[in-house]
Amino acid sequence: QVQLVESGGGLVQAGGSLRLSCAASGSISSFHVMSWDRQAPGKQRELVAGMTRGGNAVYADSVKGRFTISRDDVQNTVYLQMNSLKPDDTAVYYCNAEATLQNVWGQGTQVTVSS
């Protein structure tokens, strides 16, 4: 089974940027959707951004215009470019790979945005 490893999280000031990476141990080309979700303390996990195999992207309203998801099916990596970060973006960010018979999660990476 493919494993996902996130990286790129950290502490950043409001208005700053971070780029998250999700490296897969195998091919991601078979996954219909690659997405980033996040979970803040005391809140439910929510979808941040997702991208289909065909390149169509969807974003949560709260991040539209600030975050950009991309996937590289050659490098088997998914990225989340996060700009104009806000304290409300503080959360653990998880990478997810979804296929018909598989749903794989990474271990998460912490993003903390200070005001």
C-alpha atoms as a PDB file:
ATOM      1  CA  GLN A   1       0.000   0.000   0.000  1.00  0.00           C
ATOM      2  CA  VAL A   2       1.181   3.486  -0.838  1.00  0.00           C
ATOM      3  CA  GLN A   3       2.358   5.543   2.123  1.00  0.00           C
ATOM      4  CA  LEU A   4       2.209   9.323   2.285  1.00  0.00           C
ATOM      5  CA  VAL A   5       4.699  11.542   4.102  1.00  0.00           C
ATOM      6  CA  GLU A   6       3.983  15.237   4.591  1.00  0.00           C
ATOM      7  CA  SER A   7       6.637  17.880   5.148  1.00  0.00           C
ATOM      8  CA  GLY A   8       7.024  21.637   5.068  1.00  0.00           C
ATOM      9  CA  GLY A   9       5.008  22.635   8.085  1.00  0.00           C
ATOM     10  CA  GLY A  10       6.274  24.992  10.723  1.00  0.00           C
ATOM     11  CA  LEU A  11       5.795  28.289  12.499  1.00  0.00           C
ATOM     12  CA  VAL A  12       5.172  31.384  10.397  1.00  0.00           C
ATOM     13  CA  GLN A  13       3.909  34.884  11.046  1.00  0.00           C
ATOM     14  CA  ALA A  14       0.568  36.037   9.733  1.00  0.00           C
ATOM     15  CA  GLY A  15       0.896  37.098   6.128  1.00  0.00           C
ATOM     16  CA  GLY A  16       3.698  34.652   5.477  1.00  0.00           C
ATOM     17  CA  SER A  17       3.879  31.626   3.214  1.00  0.00           C
ATOM     18  CA  LEU A  18       4.590  27.931   3.482  1.00  0.00           C
ATOM     19  CA  ARG A  19       4.762  25.148   0.944  1.00  0.00           C
ATOM     20  CA  LEU A  20       3.670  21.717   2.070  1.00  0.00           C
ATOM     21  CA  SER A  21       4.792  18.587   0.271  1.00  0.00           C
ATOM     22  CA  CYS A  22       3.286  15.120   0.309  1.00  0.00           C
ATOM     23  CA  ALA A  23       5.605  12.439  -0.971  1.00  0.00           C
ATOM     24  CA  ALA A  24       4.124   9.078  -1.876  1.00  0.00           C
ATOM     25  CA  SER A  25       6.067   5.820  -1.610  1.00  0.00           C
ATOM     26  CA  GLY A  26       4.555   4.657  -4.878  1.00  0.00           C
ATOM     27  CA  SER A  27       2.630   5.866  -7.863  1.00  0.00           C
ATOM     28  CA  ILE A  28      -0.215   8.291  -7.268  1.00  0.00           C
ATOM     29  CA  SER A  29      -1.484   8.096 -10.820  1.00  0.00           C
ATOM     30  CA  SER A  30      -4.134   5.561  -9.831  1.00  0.00           C
ATOM     31  CA  PHE A  31      -5.653   7.842  -7.218  1.00  0.00           C
ATOM     32  CA  HIS A  32      -8.690   9.765  -8.439  1.00  0.00           C
ATOM     33  CA  VAL A  33      -8.201  12.583  -6.010  1.00  0.00           C
ATOM     34  CA  MET A  34      -5.270  13.878  -4.015  1.00  0.00           C
ATOM     35  CA  SER A  35      -6.215  16.318  -1.314  1.00  0.00           C
ATOM     36  CA  TRP A  36      -5.080  18.274   1.704  1.00  0.00           C
ATOM     37  CA  ASP A  37      -7.238  18.333   4.812  1.00  0.00           C
ATOM     38  CA  ARG A  38      -6.622  20.029   8.122  1.00  0.00           C
ATOM     39  CA  GLN A  39      -7.700  19.676  11.701  1.00  0.00           C
ATOM     40  CA  ALA A  40      -7.458  22.459  14.224  1.00  0.00           C
ATOM     41  CA  PRO A  41      -7.632  21.807  17.975  1.00  0.00           C
ATOM     42  CA  GLY A  42     -11.197  21.108  19.040  1.00  0.00           C
ATOM     43  CA  LYS A  43     -12.486  21.135  15.474  1.00  0.00           C
ATOM     44  CA  GLN A  44     -13.399  18.510  12.921  1.00  0.00           C
ATOM     45  CA  ARG A  45     -11.096  17.658  10.072  1.00  0.00           C
ATOM     46  CA  GLU A  46     -11.984  19.656   6.980  1.00  0.00           C
ATOM     47  CA  LEU A  47     -11.073  19.602   3.326  1.00  0.00           C
ATOM     48  CA  VAL A  48      -8.700  22.390   2.360  1.00  0.00           C
ATOM     49  CA  ALA A  49      -8.006  21.588  -1.282  1.00  0.00           C
ATOM     50  CA  GLY A  50      -8.289  18.658  -3.640  1.00  0.00           C
ATOM     51  CA  MET A  51      -7.155  17.903  -7.148  1.00  0.00           C
ATOM     52  CA  THR A  52      -8.393  15.203  -9.497  1.00  0.00           C
ATOM     53  CA  ARG A  53      -6.190  13.107 -11.714  1.00  0.00           C
ATOM     54  CA  GLY A  54      -7.318  15.310 -14.580  1.00  0.00           C
ATOM     55  CA  GLY A  55      -6.107  18.449 -12.851  1.00  0.00           C
ATOM     56  CA  ASN A  56      -9.388  19.913 -11.651  1.00  0.00           C
ATOM     57  CA  ALA A  57      -9.010  21.611  -8.288  1.00  0.00           C
ATOM     58  CA  VAL A  58     -11.434  22.501  -5.533  1.00  0.00           C
ATOM     59  CA  TYR A  59     -10.806  24.688  -2.522  1.00  0.00           C
ATOM     60  CA  ALA A  60     -12.483  25.493   0.750  1.00  0.00           C
ATOM     61  CA  ASP A  61     -13.983  28.971   0.645  1.00  0.00           C
ATOM     62  CA  SER A  62     -11.704  30.028   3.482  1.00  0.00           C
ATOM     63  CA  VAL A  63      -8.544  29.435   1.435  1.00  0.00           C
ATOM     64  CA  LYS A  64      -9.619  30.383  -2.084  1.00  0.00           C
ATOM     65  CA  GLY A  65      -7.208  32.853  -3.616  1.00  0.00           C
ATOM     66  CA  ARG A  66      -4.538  32.106  -1.007  1.00  0.00           C
ATOM     67  CA  PHE A  67      -3.758  28.389  -1.343  1.00  0.00           C
ATOM     68  CA  THR A  68      -2.826  26.435  -4.459  1.00  0.00           C
ATOM     69  CA  ILE A  69      -2.739  22.667  -4.772  1.00  0.00           C
ATOM     70  CA  SER A  70      -0.689  20.891  -7.385  1.00  0.00           C
ATOM     71  CA  ARG A  71       0.270  17.305  -8.100  1.00  0.00           C
ATOM     72  CA  ASP A  72       3.248  15.832  -9.890  1.00  0.00           C
ATOM     73  CA  ASP A  73       2.393  12.314 -11.000  1.00  0.00           C
ATOM     74  CA  VAL A  74       5.969  11.767 -12.214  1.00  0.00           C
ATOM     75  CA  GLN A  75       7.533  12.672  -8.872  1.00  0.00           C
ATOM     76  CA  ASN A  76       4.546  11.184  -7.004  1.00  0.00           C
ATOM     77  CA  THR A  77       4.257  14.314  -4.926  1.00  0.00           C
ATOM     78  CA  VAL A  78       1.445  16.681  -4.069  1.00  0.00           C
ATOM     79  CA  TYR A  79       2.030  20.247  -2.984  1.00  0.00           C
ATOM     80  CA  LEU A  80       0.066  22.890  -1.165  1.00  0.00           C
ATOM     81  CA  GLN A  81       1.332  26.429  -1.595  1.00  0.00           C
ATOM     82  CA  MET A  82      -0.079  28.570   1.188  1.00  0.00           C
ATOM     83  CA  ASN A  83       0.173  32.339   0.960  1.00  0.00           C
ATOM     84  CA  SER A  84      -1.198  35.163   3.094  1.00  0.00           C
ATOM     85  CA  LEU A  85      -1.461  32.829   6.040  1.00  0.00           C
ATOM     86  CA  LYS A  86      -3.779  33.707   8.901  1.00  0.00           C
ATOM     87  CA  PRO A  87      -3.864  32.534  12.519  1.00  0.00           C
ATOM     88  CA  ASP A  88      -7.069  30.640  11.634  1.00  0.00           C
ATOM     89  CA  ASP A  89      -4.997  28.474   9.295  1.00  0.00           C
ATOM     90  CA  THR A  90      -3.238  26.947  12.307  1.00  0.00           C
ATOM     91  CA  ALA A  91      -3.862  23.204  12.203  1.00  0.00           C
ATOM     92  CA  VAL A  92      -2.372  19.829  11.468  1.00  0.00           C
ATOM     93  CA  TYR A  93      -2.416  19.369   7.713  1.00  0.00           C
ATOM     94  CA  TYR A  94      -2.955  15.901   6.296  1.00  0.00           C
ATOM     95  CA  CYS A  95      -2.413  14.561   2.819  1.00  0.00           C
ATOM     96  CA  ASN A  96      -5.040  12.160   1.466  1.00  0.00           C
ATOM     97  CA  ALA A  97      -5.062   9.873  -1.548  1.00  0.00           C
ATOM     98  CA  GLU A  98      -8.419   8.550  -2.670  1.00  0.00           C
ATOM     99  CA  ALA A  99      -9.087   5.709  -5.074  1.00  0.00           C
ATOM    100  CA  THR A 100     -11.996   3.332  -5.590  1.00  0.00           C
ATOM    101  CA  LEU A 101     -10.684   0.728  -3.173  1.00  0.00           C
ATOM    102  CA  GLN A 102      -8.166   2.767  -1.214  1.00  0.00           C
ATOM    103  CA  ASN A 103      -8.147   5.819   1.010  1.00  0.00           C
ATOM    104  CA  VAL A 104      -4.701   6.634   2.339  1.00  0.00           C
ATOM    105  CA  TRP A 105      -3.732   9.279   4.895  1.00  0.00           C
ATOM    106  CA  GLY A 106      -0.390  10.705   5.859  1.00  0.00           C
ATOM    107  CA  GLN A 107       0.668  11.328   9.446  1.00  0.00           C
ATOM    108  CA  GLY A 108       0.191  15.088   9.218  1.00  0.00           C
ATOM    109  CA  THR A 109       2.373  18.160   9.527  1.00  0.00           C
ATOM    110  CA  GLN A 110       1.795  21.008  11.962  1.00  0.00           C
ATOM    111  CA  VAL A 111       1.268  24.521  10.656  1.00  0.00           C
ATOM    112  CA  THR A 112       1.206  27.313  13.210  1.00  0.00           C
ATOM    113  CA  VAL A 113       0.507  30.899  12.209  1.00  0.00           C
ATOM    114  CA  SER A 114       1.275  33.561  14.791  1.00  0.00           C
ATOM    115  CA  SER A 115      -0.501  36.914  14.874  1.00  0.00           C
END
